[in-house]
Amino acid sequence: MPLRFGDNVSTAETDYGTVLLDEQAGAYWELNPTATVVVRTLLDGGEEADAAAALVQEFDIDQAQALQDVETLVRELRDSGLAS
C-alpha cells in the first residue's frame, strides 16, 4: 500500500537521509539512507515489495530482511501518526 504523510508533516532530504517534522506535535524524526529509499519508493506509489526490491538493489541485502525492514518502518511511521 502506498504511503502518505499527514498534512502536518514536513519532509526535507539531507546528505544523510530524510528529516520529518510533525508540526502539530513538534516531533522531529531523522531517517537514514535506507529508510529514505523506502519512503521515496512508497511516496511515489510503490508497494512494500517494490521498496524491498529497491533496498536489495541499492544496498545488496537479503530480500527477506529487506521486506521485514520495510514492514517495520511502515508500521512505525503509521503507529506514530506520521503516515497513513
C-alpha atoms as a PDB file:
ATOM      1  CA  MET A   1       0.000   0.000   0.000  1.00  0.00           C
ATOM      2  CA  PRO A   2       1.425   3.410  -0.927  1.00  0.00           C
ATOM      3  CA  LEU A   3       2.425   5.717   1.896  1.00  0.00           C
ATOM      4  CA  ARG A   4       1.075   9.197   2.601  1.00  0.00           C
ATOM      5  CA  PHE A   5       2.275  11.624   5.238  1.00  0.00           C
ATOM      6  CA  GLY A   6      -0.247  13.737   7.089  1.00  0.00           C
ATOM      7  CA  ASP A   7      -0.723  17.395   6.164  1.00  0.00           C
ATOM      8  CA  ASN A   8       1.065  18.325   9.388  1.00  0.00           C
ATOM      9  CA  VAL A   9       4.279  16.508   8.357  1.00  0.00           C
ATOM     10  CA  SER A  10       7.038  18.356   6.517  1.00  0.00           C
ATOM     11  CA  THR A  11       9.899  16.471   4.864  1.00  0.00           C
ATOM     12  CA  ALA A  12      13.360  17.507   3.743  1.00  0.00           C
ATOM     13  CA  GLU A  13      16.056  15.353   2.205  1.00  0.00           C
ATOM     14  CA  THR A  14      19.580  15.889   3.526  1.00  0.00           C
ATOM     15  CA  ASP A  15      23.008  14.479   2.737  1.00  0.00           C
ATOM     16  CA  TYR A  16      22.352  11.833   5.408  1.00  0.00           C
ATOM     17  CA  GLY A  17      18.756  10.810   4.693  1.00  0.00           C
ATOM     18  CA  THR A  18      15.406  12.487   5.251  1.00  0.00           C
ATOM     19  CA  VAL A  19      14.122  14.666   8.061  1.00  0.00           C
ATOM     20  CA  LEU A  20      10.460  14.515   9.075  1.00  0.00           C
ATOM     21  CA  LEU A  21       8.831  17.187  11.216  1.00  0.00           C
ATOM     22  CA  ASP A  22       5.421  16.701  12.753  1.00  0.00           C
ATOM     23  CA  GLU A  23       4.467  20.360  13.019  1.00  0.00           C
ATOM     24  CA  GLN A  24       1.457  19.619  15.194  1.00  0.00           C
ATOM     25  CA  ALA A  25       3.291  17.579  17.825  1.00  0.00           C
ATOM     26  CA  GLY A  26       6.658  19.269  17.426  1.00  0.00           C
ATOM     27  CA  ALA A  27       8.286  15.855  16.907  1.00  0.00           C
ATOM     28  CA  TYR A  28      11.361  15.540  14.717  1.00  0.00           C
ATOM     29  CA  TRP A  29      12.467  12.312  13.016  1.00  0.00           C
ATOM     30  CA  GLU A  30      15.599  11.592  11.029  1.00  0.00           C
ATOM     31  CA  LEU A  31      15.520   8.725   8.535  1.00  0.00           C
ATOM     32  CA  ASN A  32      18.759   7.080   7.448  1.00  0.00           C
ATOM     33  CA  PRO A  33      19.558   6.482   3.752  1.00  0.00           C
ATOM     34  CA  THR A  34      17.874   3.062   3.676  1.00  0.00           C
ATOM     35  CA  ALA A  35      14.671   4.419   5.206  1.00  0.00           C
ATOM     36  CA  THR A  36      14.809   7.281   2.708  1.00  0.00           C
ATOM     37  CA  VAL A  37      14.820   4.806  -0.190  1.00  0.00           C
ATOM     38  CA  VAL A  38      11.796   3.058   1.320  1.00  0.00           C
ATOM     39  CA  VAL A  39       9.856   6.267   1.926  1.00  0.00           C
ATOM     40  CA  ARG A  40      10.666   7.680  -1.512  1.00  0.00           C
ATOM     41  CA  THR A  41       9.513   4.458  -3.200  1.00  0.00           C
ATOM     42  CA  LEU A  42       6.255   4.338  -1.243  1.00  0.00           C
ATOM     43  CA  LEU A  43       5.503   8.053  -1.675  1.00  0.00           C
ATOM     44  CA  ASP A  44       5.947   7.573  -5.418  1.00  0.00           C
ATOM     45  CA  GLY A  45       3.135   4.996  -5.353  1.00  0.00           C
ATOM     46  CA  GLY A  46       5.178   1.830  -4.956  1.00  0.00           C
ATOM     47  CA  GLU A  47       4.187  -1.109  -2.810  1.00  0.00           C
ATOM     48  CA  GLU A  48       6.165  -2.506   0.117  1.00  0.00           C
ATOM     49  CA  ALA A  49       7.562  -5.236  -2.168  1.00  0.00           C
ATOM     50  CA  ASP A  50       8.831  -2.503  -4.532  1.00  0.00           C
ATOM     51  CA  ALA A  51      10.550  -0.741  -1.648  1.00  0.00           C
ATOM     52  CA  ALA A  52      12.168  -4.005  -0.536  1.00  0.00           C
ATOM     53  CA  ALA A  53      13.383  -4.627  -4.100  1.00  0.00           C
ATOM     54  CA  ALA A  54      14.882  -1.117  -4.167  1.00  0.00           C
ATOM     55  CA  LEU A  55      16.764  -1.866  -0.945  1.00  0.00           C
ATOM     56  CA  VAL A  56      18.086  -5.143  -2.339  1.00  0.00           C
ATOM     57  CA  GLN A  57      19.280  -3.409  -5.488  1.00  0.00           C
ATOM     58  CA  GLU A  58      20.835  -0.366  -3.835  1.00  0.00           C
ATOM     59  CA  PHE A  59      22.270  -1.914  -0.667  1.00  0.00           C
ATOM     60  CA  ASP A  60      22.782  -5.569  -1.686  1.00  0.00           C
ATOM     61  CA  ILE A  61      20.871  -7.050   1.243  1.00  0.00           C
ATOM     62  CA  ASP A  62      18.765 -10.199   1.541  1.00  0.00           C
ATOM     63  CA  GLN A  63      15.207  -9.927   0.115  1.00  0.00           C
ATOM     64  CA  ALA A  64      13.559 -11.370   3.240  1.00  0.00           C
ATOM     65  CA  GLN A  65      15.432  -8.959   5.521  1.00  0.00           C
ATOM     66  CA  ALA A  66      14.630  -6.040   3.223  1.00  0.00           C
ATOM     67  CA  LEU A  67      10.902  -6.820   3.299  1.00  0.00           C
ATOM     68  CA  GLN A  68      10.948  -7.180   7.087  1.00  0.00           C
ATOM     69  CA  ASP A  69      12.743  -3.822   7.403  1.00  0.00           C
ATOM     70  CA  VAL A  70      10.208  -2.127   5.113  1.00  0.00           C
ATOM     71  CA  GLU A  71       7.267  -3.549   7.054  1.00  0.00           C
ATOM     72  CA  THR A  72       8.807  -2.427  10.353  1.00  0.00           C
ATOM     73  CA  LEU A  73       9.451   1.114   9.121  1.00  0.00           C
ATOM     74  CA  VAL A  74       5.955   1.490   7.667  1.00  0.00           C
ATOM     75  CA  ARG A  75       4.371   0.166  10.876  1.00  0.00           C
ATOM     76  CA  GLU A  76       6.408   2.620  12.978  1.00  0.00           C
ATOM     77  CA  LEU A  77       5.526   5.575  10.744  1.00  0.00           C
ATOM     78  CA  ARG A  78       1.830   4.698  10.896  1.00  0.00           C
ATOM     79  CA  ASP A  79       1.862   3.945  14.634  1.00  0.00           C
ATOM     80  CA  SER A  80       3.492   7.324  15.280  1.00  0.00           C
ATOM     81  CA  GLY A  81       0.704   9.076  13.368  1.00  0.00           C
ATOM     82  CA  LEU A  82       3.103  10.483  10.775  1.00  0.00           C
ATOM     83  CA  ALA A  83       1.734   8.427   7.901  1.00  0.00           C
ATOM     84  CA  SER A  84      -1.346   6.634   6.715  1.00  0.00           C
END
